[in-house]
PDB file of N, CA and C in Angstrom:
ATOM      1  N   MET A   1       0.821  -1.190   0.000  1.00  0.00           N
ATOM      2  CA  MET A   1       0.000   0.000   0.000  1.00  0.00           C
ATOM      3  C   MET A   1       0.866   1.255   0.000  1.00  0.00           C
ATOM      4  N   ARG A   2       1.976   1.210   0.712  1.00  0.00           N
ATOM      5  CA  ARG A   2       2.843   2.398   0.753  1.00  0.00           C
ATOM      6  C   ARG A   2       3.396   2.707  -0.634  1.00  0.00           C
ATOM      7  N   LYS A   3       3.847   1.677  -1.342  1.00  0.00           N
ATOM      8  CA  LYS A   3       4.382   1.895  -2.687  1.00  0.00           C
ATOM      9  C   LYS A   3       3.292   2.410  -3.618  1.00  0.00           C
ATOM     10  N   LEU A   4       2.112   1.873  -3.486  1.00  0.00           N
ATOM     11  CA  LEU A   4       1.002   2.302  -4.330  1.00  0.00           C
ATOM     12  C   LEU A   4       0.634   3.751  -4.045  1.00  0.00           C
ATOM     13  N   GLY A   5       0.755   4.173  -2.796  1.00  0.00           N
ATOM     14  CA  GLY A   5       0.402   5.531  -2.394  1.00  0.00           C
ATOM     15  C   GLY A   5       1.390   6.590  -2.830  1.00  0.00           C
ATOM     16  N   HIS A   6       2.549   6.191  -3.332  1.00  0.00           N
ATOM     17  CA  HIS A   6       3.552   7.173  -3.750  1.00  0.00           C
ATOM     18  C   HIS A   6       3.256   7.791  -5.107  1.00  0.00           C
ATOM     19  N   GLY A   7       2.303   7.253  -5.834  1.00  0.00           N
ATOM     20  CA  GLY A   7       1.957   7.814  -7.140  1.00  0.00           C
ATOM     21  C   GLY A   7       1.270   9.157  -6.997  1.00  0.00           C
ATOM     22  N   THR A   8       1.131   9.835  -8.083  1.00  0.00           N
ATOM     23  CA  THR A   8       0.446  11.123  -8.054  1.00  0.00           C
ATOM     24  C   THR A   8      -0.997  10.937  -8.500  1.00  0.00           C
ATOM     25  N   ARG A   9      -1.850  11.757  -7.977  1.00  0.00           N
ATOM     26  CA  ARG A   9      -3.271  11.751  -8.319  1.00  0.00           C
ATOM     27  C   ARG A   9      -3.922  10.391  -8.131  1.00  0.00           C
ATOM     28  N   ASN A  10      -3.700   9.800  -6.999  1.00  0.00           N
ATOM     29  CA  ASN A  10      -4.348   8.522  -6.694  1.00  0.00           C
ATOM     30  C   ASN A  10      -5.823   8.762  -6.447  1.00  0.00           C
ATOM     31  N   THR A  11      -6.645   7.898  -6.984  1.00  0.00           N
ATOM     32  CA  THR A  11      -8.087   7.960  -6.782  1.00  0.00           C
ATOM     33  C   THR A  11      -8.553   6.604  -6.281  1.00  0.00           C
ATOM     34  N   PHE A  12      -9.842   6.480  -6.114  1.00  0.00           N
ATOM     35  CA  PHE A  12     -10.396   5.195  -5.700  1.00  0.00           C
ATOM     36  C   PHE A  12     -10.044   4.114  -6.713  1.00  0.00           C
ATOM     37  N   GLU A  13      -9.983   4.490  -7.975  1.00  0.00           N
ATOM     38  CA  GLU A  13      -9.657   3.520  -9.019  1.00  0.00           C
ATOM     39  C   GLU A  13      -8.290   2.875  -8.784  1.00  0.00           C
ATOM     40  N   THR A  14      -7.371   3.617  -8.199  1.00  0.00           N
ATOM     41  CA  THR A  14      -6.044   3.086  -7.901  1.00  0.00           C
ATOM     42  C   THR A  14      -6.141   1.889  -6.958  1.00  0.00           C
ATOM     43  N   TYR A  15      -7.082   1.944  -6.029  1.00  0.00           N
ATOM     44  CA  TYR A  15      -7.204   0.931  -4.986  1.00  0.00           C
ATOM     45  C   TYR A  15      -8.369  -0.033  -5.213  1.00  0.00           C
ATOM     46  N   ARG A  16      -9.158   0.214  -6.243  1.00  0.00           N
ATOM     47  CA  ARG A  16     -10.391  -0.559  -6.464  1.00  0.00           C
ATOM     48  C   ARG A  16     -10.143  -2.070  -6.458  1.00  0.00           C
ATOM     49  N   THR A  17      -9.168  -2.542  -7.211  1.00  0.00           N
ATOM     50  CA  THR A  17      -8.951  -3.990  -7.295  1.00  0.00           C
ATOM     51  C   THR A  17      -8.560  -4.584  -5.946  1.00  0.00           C
ATOM     52  N   PHE A  18      -7.808  -3.835  -5.155  1.00  0.00           N
ATOM     53  CA  PHE A  18      -7.435  -4.335  -3.826  1.00  0.00           C
ATOM     54  C   PHE A  18      -8.653  -4.416  -2.910  1.00  0.00           C
ATOM     55  N   ILE A  19      -9.534  -3.437  -3.012  1.00  0.00           N
ATOM     56  CA  ILE A  19     -10.681  -3.361  -2.115  1.00  0.00           C
ATOM     57  C   ILE A  19     -11.777  -4.344  -2.521  1.00  0.00           C
ATOM     58  N   GLU A  20     -12.021  -4.466  -3.806  1.00  0.00           N
ATOM     59  CA  GLU A  20     -13.127  -5.313  -4.264  1.00  0.00           C
ATOM     60  C   GLU A  20     -12.796  -6.799  -4.271  1.00  0.00           C
ATOM     61  N   THR A  21     -11.518  -7.163  -4.220  1.00  0.00           N
ATOM     62  CA  THR A  21     -11.157  -8.577  -4.311  1.00  0.00           C
ATOM     63  C   THR A  21     -10.672  -9.159  -2.986  1.00  0.00           C
ATOM     64  N   ARG A  22     -10.678  -8.385  -1.924  1.00  0.00           N
ATOM     65  CA  ARG A  22     -10.200  -8.868  -0.627  1.00  0.00           C
ATOM     66  C   ARG A  22     -11.367  -8.990   0.351  1.00  0.00           C
ATOM     67  N   ASP A  23     -11.161  -9.763   1.409  1.00  0.00           N
ATOM     68  CA  ASP A  23     -12.210  -9.880   2.415  1.00  0.00           C
ATOM     69  C   ASP A  23     -12.223  -8.638   3.309  1.00  0.00           C
ATOM     70  N   ALA A  24     -13.248  -8.528   4.134  1.00  0.00           N
ATOM     71  CA  ALA A  24     -13.499  -7.318   4.921  1.00  0.00           C
ATOM     72  C   ALA A  24     -12.338  -6.949   5.844  1.00  0.00           C
ATOM     73  N   VAL A  25     -11.679  -7.922   6.437  1.00  0.00           N
ATOM     74  CA  VAL A  25     -10.570  -7.640   7.358  1.00  0.00           C
ATOM     75  C   VAL A  25      -9.411  -6.987   6.611  1.00  0.00           C
ATOM     76  N   VAL A  26      -9.100  -7.491   5.433  1.00  0.00           N
ATOM     77  CA  VAL A  26      -8.013  -6.918   4.633  1.00  0.00           C
ATOM     78  C   VAL A  26      -8.386  -5.516   4.170  1.00  0.00           C
ATOM     79  N   VAL A  27      -9.623  -5.326   3.759  1.00  0.00           N
ATOM     80  CA  VAL A  27     -10.073  -3.991   3.341  1.00  0.00           C
ATOM     81  C   VAL A  27      -9.982  -3.016   4.515  1.00  0.00           C
ATOM     82  N   ALA A  28     -10.337  -3.447   5.710  1.00  0.00           N
ATOM     83  CA  ALA A  28     -10.218  -2.589   6.888  1.00  0.00           C
ATOM     84  C   ALA A  28      -8.760  -2.214   7.130  1.00  0.00           C
ATOM     85  N   ASN A  29      -7.853  -3.161   6.962  1.00  0.00           N
ATOM     86  CA  ASN A  29      -6.427  -2.863   7.125  1.00  0.00           C
ATOM     87  C   ASN A  29      -5.935  -1.901   6.051  1.00  0.00           C
ATOM     88  N   ILE A  30      -6.435  -2.049   4.835  1.00  0.00           N
ATOM     89  CA  ILE A  30      -6.085  -1.108   3.758  1.00  0.00           C
ATOM     90  C   ILE A  30      -6.555   0.294   4.136  1.00  0.00           C
ATOM     91  N   ALA A  31      -7.786   0.388   4.653  1.00  0.00           N
ATOM     92  CA  ALA A  31      -8.328   1.693   5.053  1.00  0.00           C
ATOM     93  C   ALA A  31      -7.490   2.317   6.159  1.00  0.00           C
ATOM     94  N   VAL A  32      -7.094   1.520   7.136  1.00  0.00           N
ATOM     95  CA  VAL A  32      -6.257   2.030   8.233  1.00  0.00           C
ATOM     96  C   VAL A  32      -4.920   2.526   7.681  1.00  0.00           C
ATOM     97  N   CYS A  33      -4.340   1.785   6.773  1.00  0.00           N
ATOM     98  CA  CYS A  33      -3.068   2.179   6.160  1.00  0.00           C
ATOM     99  C   CYS A  33      -3.218   3.509   5.425  1.00  0.00           C
ATOM    100  N   LEU A  34      -4.304   3.646   4.657  1.00  0.00           N
ATOM    101  CA  LEU A  34      -4.535   4.901   3.928  1.00  0.00           C
ATOM    102  C   LEU A  34      -4.775   6.067   4.881  1.00  0.00           C
ATOM    103  N   ILE A  35      -5.440   5.815   5.987  1.00  0.00           N
ATOM    104  CA  ILE A  35      -5.651   6.860   6.992  1.00  0.00           C
ATOM    105  C   ILE A  35      -4.312   7.309   7.573  1.00  0.00           C
ATOM    106  N   HIS A  36      -3.443   6.361   7.872  1.00  0.00           N
ATOM    107  CA  HIS A  36      -2.120   6.705   8.404  1.00  0.00           C
ATOM    108  C   HIS A  36      -1.309   7.512   7.386  1.00  0.00           C
ATOM    109  N   GLN A  37      -1.376   7.124   6.122  1.00  0.00           N
ATOM    110  CA  GLN A  37      -0.656   7.871   5.084  1.00  0.00           C
ATOM    111  C   GLN A  37      -1.195   9.294   4.972  1.00  0.00           C
ATOM    112  N   THR A  38      -2.519   9.427   5.030  1.00  0.00           N
ATOM    113  CA  THR A  38      -3.135  10.748   4.960  1.00  0.00           C
ATOM    114  C   THR A  38      -2.728  11.605   6.144  1.00  0.00           C
ATOM    115  N   ASN A  39      -2.739  11.035   7.338  1.00  0.00           N
ATOM    116  CA  ASN A  39      -2.315  11.778   8.531  1.00  0.00           C
ATOM    117  C   ASN A  39      -0.871  12.236   8.409  1.00  0.00           C
ATOM    118  N   TYR A  40      -0.006  11.369   7.902  1.00  0.00           N
ATOM    119  CA  TYR A  40       1.394  11.736   7.718  1.00  0.00           C
ATOM    120  C   TYR A  40       1.515  12.926   6.769  1.00  0.00           C
ATOM    121  N   LEU A  41       0.814  12.864   5.649  1.00  0.00           N
ATOM    122  CA  LEU A  41       0.887  13.959   4.679  1.00  0.00           C
ATOM    123  C   LEU A  41       0.323  15.257   5.246  1.00  0.00           C
ATOM    124  N   LEU A  42      -0.763  15.164   6.001  1.00  0.00           N
ATOM    125  CA  LEU A  42      -1.319  16.361   6.628  1.00  0.00           C
ATOM    126  C   LEU A  42      -0.359  16.947   7.656  1.00  0.00           C
ATOM    127  N   ASP A  43       0.308  16.095   8.421  1.00  0.00           N
ATOM    128  CA  ASP A  43       1.311  16.577   9.376  1.00  0.00           C
ATOM    129  C   ASP A  43       2.453  17.282   8.660  1.00  0.00           C
ATOM    130  N   GLN A  44       2.893  16.730   7.537  1.00  0.00           N
ATOM    131  CA  GLN A  44       3.962  17.362   6.756  1.00  0.00           C
ATOM    132  C   GLN A  44       3.510  18.735   6.256  1.00  0.00           C
ATOM    133  N   GLN A  45       2.277  18.813   5.763  1.00  0.00           N
ATOM    134  CA  GLN A  45       1.755  20.079   5.266  1.00  0.00           C
ATOM    135  C   GLN A  45       1.652  21.108   6.397  1.00  0.00           C
ATOM    136  N   ARG A  46       1.171  20.664   7.562  1.00  0.00           N
ATOM    137  CA  ARG A  46       1.059  21.578   8.713  1.00  0.00           C
ATOM    138  C   ARG A  46       2.423  22.112   9.118  1.00  0.00           C
ATOM    139  N   ARG A  47       3.432  21.236   9.160  1.00  0.00           N
ATOM    140  CA  ARG A  47       4.786  21.675   9.517  1.00  0.00           C
ATOM    141  C   ARG A  47       5.315  22.688   8.506  1.00  0.00           C
ATOM    142  N   SER A  48       5.061  22.442   7.240  1.00  0.00           N
ATOM    143  CA  SER A  48       5.507  23.355   6.192  1.00  0.00           C
ATOM    144  C   SER A  48       4.834  24.718   6.327  1.00  0.00           C
ATOM    145  N   LEU A  49       3.524  24.713   6.562  1.00  0.00           N
ATOM    146  CA  LEU A  49       2.796  25.970   6.728  1.00  0.00           C
ATOM    147  C   LEU A  49       3.246  26.712   7.978  1.00  0.00           C
ATOM    148  N   GLU A  50       3.527  25.978   9.034  1.00  0.00           N
ATOM    149  CA  GLU A  50       4.013  26.597  10.266  1.00  0.00           C
ATOM    150  C   GLU A  50       5.369  27.253  10.041  1.00  0.00           C
ATOM    151  N   ALA A  51       6.261  26.561   9.352  1.00  0.00           N
ATOM    152  CA  ALA A  51       7.589  27.120   9.076  1.00  0.00           C
ATOM    153  C   ALA A  51       7.473  28.364   8.192  1.00  0.00           C
ATOM    154  N   GLU A  52       6.581  28.328   7.213  1.00  0.00           N
ATOM    155  CA  GLU A  52       6.376  29.491   6.349  1.00  0.00           C
ATOM    156  C   GLU A  52       5.828  30.670   7.146  1.00  0.00           C
ATOM    157  N   PHE A  53       4.909  30.393   8.068  1.00  0.00           N
ATOM    158  CA  PHE A  53       4.340  31.443   8.903  1.00  0.00           C
ATOM    159  C   PHE A  53       5.413  32.070   9.783  1.00  0.00           C
ATOM    160  N   VAL A  54       6.249  31.248  10.398  1.00  0.00           N
ATOM    161  CA  VAL A  54       7.311  31.763  11.266  1.00  0.00           C
ATOM    162  C   VAL A  54       8.294  32.599  10.449  1.00  0.00           C
ATOM    163  N   LYS A  55       8.608  32.148   9.251  1.00  0.00           N
ATOM    164  CA  LYS A  55       9.600  32.838   8.428  1.00  0.00           C
ATOM    165  C   LYS A  55       9.047  34.124   7.811  1.00  0.00           C
ATOM    166  N   HIS A  56       7.802  34.086   7.316  1.00  0.00           N
ATOM    167  CA  HIS A  56       7.261  35.219   6.564  1.00  0.00           C
ATOM    168  C   HIS A  56       6.136  35.962   7.276  1.00  0.00           C
ATOM    169  N   GLY A  57       5.652  35.429   8.386  1.00  0.00           N
ATOM    170  CA  GLY A  57       4.563  36.073   9.100  1.00  0.00           C
ATOM    171  C   GLY A  57       3.212  35.698   8.534  1.00  0.00           C
ATOM    172  N   GLY A  58       2.184  36.196   9.202  1.00  0.00           N
ATOM    173  CA  GLY A  58       0.815  35.926   8.775  1.00  0.00           C
ATOM    174  C   GLY A  58       0.375  36.919   7.717  1.00  0.00           C
ATOM    175  N   ILE A  59      -0.861  36.772   7.275  1.00  0.00           N
ATOM    176  CA  ILE A  59      -1.395  37.617   6.208  1.00  0.00           C
ATOM    177  C   ILE A  59      -1.431  39.082   6.624  1.00  0.00           C
ATOM    178  N   ARG A  60      -1.813  39.373   7.861  1.00  0.00           N
ATOM    179  CA  ARG A  60      -1.858  40.776   8.311  1.00  0.00           C
ATOM    180  C   ARG A  60      -0.463  41.406   8.317  1.00  0.00           C
ATOM    181  N   GLU A  61       0.495  40.639   8.784  1.00  0.00           N
ATOM    182  CA  GLU A  61       1.870  41.172   8.811  1.00  0.00           C
ATOM    183  C   GLU A  61       2.375  41.451   7.395  1.00  0.00           C
ATOM    184  N   ARG A  62       2.081  40.532   6.477  1.00  0.00           N
ATOM    185  CA  ARG A  62       2.528  40.736   5.097  1.00  0.00           C
ATOM    186  C   ARG A  62       1.800  41.890   4.430  1.00  0.00           C
ATOM    187  N   MET A  63       0.510  42.059   4.753  1.00  0.00           N
ATOM    188  CA  MET A  63      -0.245  43.181   4.182  1.00  0.00           C
ATOM    189  C   MET A  63       0.280  44.504   4.719  1.00  0.00           C
ATOM    190  N   THR A  64       0.545  44.560   6.020  1.00  0.00           N
ATOM    191  CA  THR A  64       1.092  45.782   6.617  1.00  0.00           C
ATOM    192  C   THR A  64       2.435  46.112   6.002  1.00  0.00           C
ATOM    193  N   LYS A  65       3.294  45.122   5.846  1.00  0.00           N
ATOM    194  CA  LYS A  65       4.606  45.340   5.239  1.00  0.00           C
ATOM    195  C   LYS A  65       4.452  45.848   3.814  1.00  0.00           C
ATOM    196  N   ALA A  66       3.525  45.275   3.059  1.00  0.00           N
ATOM    197  CA  ALA A  66       3.306  45.709   1.677  1.00  0.00           C
ATOM    198  C   ALA A  66       2.832  47.162   1.631  1.00  0.00           C
ATOM    199  N   ARG A  67       1.916  47.533   2.544  1.00  0.00           N
ATOM    200  CA  ARG A  67       1.440  48.923   2.582  1.00  0.00           C
ATOM    201  C   ARG A  67       2.568  49.880   2.946  1.00  0.00           C
ATOM    202  N   LEU A  68       3.367  49.529   3.951  1.00  0.00           N
ATOM    203  CA  LEU A  68       4.480  50.392   4.359  1.00  0.00           C
ATOM    204  C   LEU A  68       5.523  50.511   3.246  1.00  0.00           C
ATOM    205  N   ASP A  69       5.807  49.409   2.572  1.00  0.00           N
ATOM    206  CA  ASP A  69       6.755  49.459   1.448  1.00  0.00           C
ATOM    207  C   ASP A  69       6.213  50.339   0.325  1.00  0.00           C
ATOM    208  N   ALA A  70       4.919  50.242   0.058  1.00  0.00           N
ATOM    209  CA  ALA A  70       4.324  51.057  -0.999  1.00  0.00           C
ATOM    210  C   ALA A  70       4.397  52.546  -0.629  1.00  0.00           C
ATOM    211  N   ARG A  71       4.160  52.867   0.621  1.00  0.00           N
ATOM    212  CA  ARG A  71       4.232  54.273   1.060  1.00  0.00           C
ATOM    213  C   ARG A  71       5.670  54.812   0.946  1.00  0.00           C
ATOM    214  N   ARG A  72       6.617  53.952   1.316  1.00  0.00           N
ATOM    215  CA  ARG A  72       8.025  54.383   1.227  1.00  0.00           C
ATOM    216  C   ARG A  72       8.454  54.620  -0.206  1.00  0.00           C
ATOM    217  N   ASN A  73       7.912  53.856  -1.127  1.00  0.00           N
ATOM    218  CA  ASN A  73       8.337  53.953  -2.542  1.00  0.00           C
ATOM    219  C   ASN A  73       7.605  55.039  -3.313  1.00  0.00           C
ATOM    220  N   GLN A  74       6.648  55.713  -2.701  1.00  0.00           N
ATOM    221  CA  GLN A  74       5.917  56.777  -3.412  1.00  0.00           C
ATOM    222  C   GLN A  74       6.717  58.045  -3.485  1.00  0.00           C
TER     223      GLN A  74
END
């Protein structure tokens, strides 16, 4: 499942044969595996967004900086 999940643009069709041809216990394990992969990716995205926020600030800070820069350049 991990190797299969490394592709881009995975859809249900990617996993259909695994889900439709296995018994319920195996399908449940596949679902748990996909949930873990999704959680990992969401954690990575959250860390990336947090680092970007710390480095560049939030939207208000960036807007204020843009306004001040525009005033200075007039």
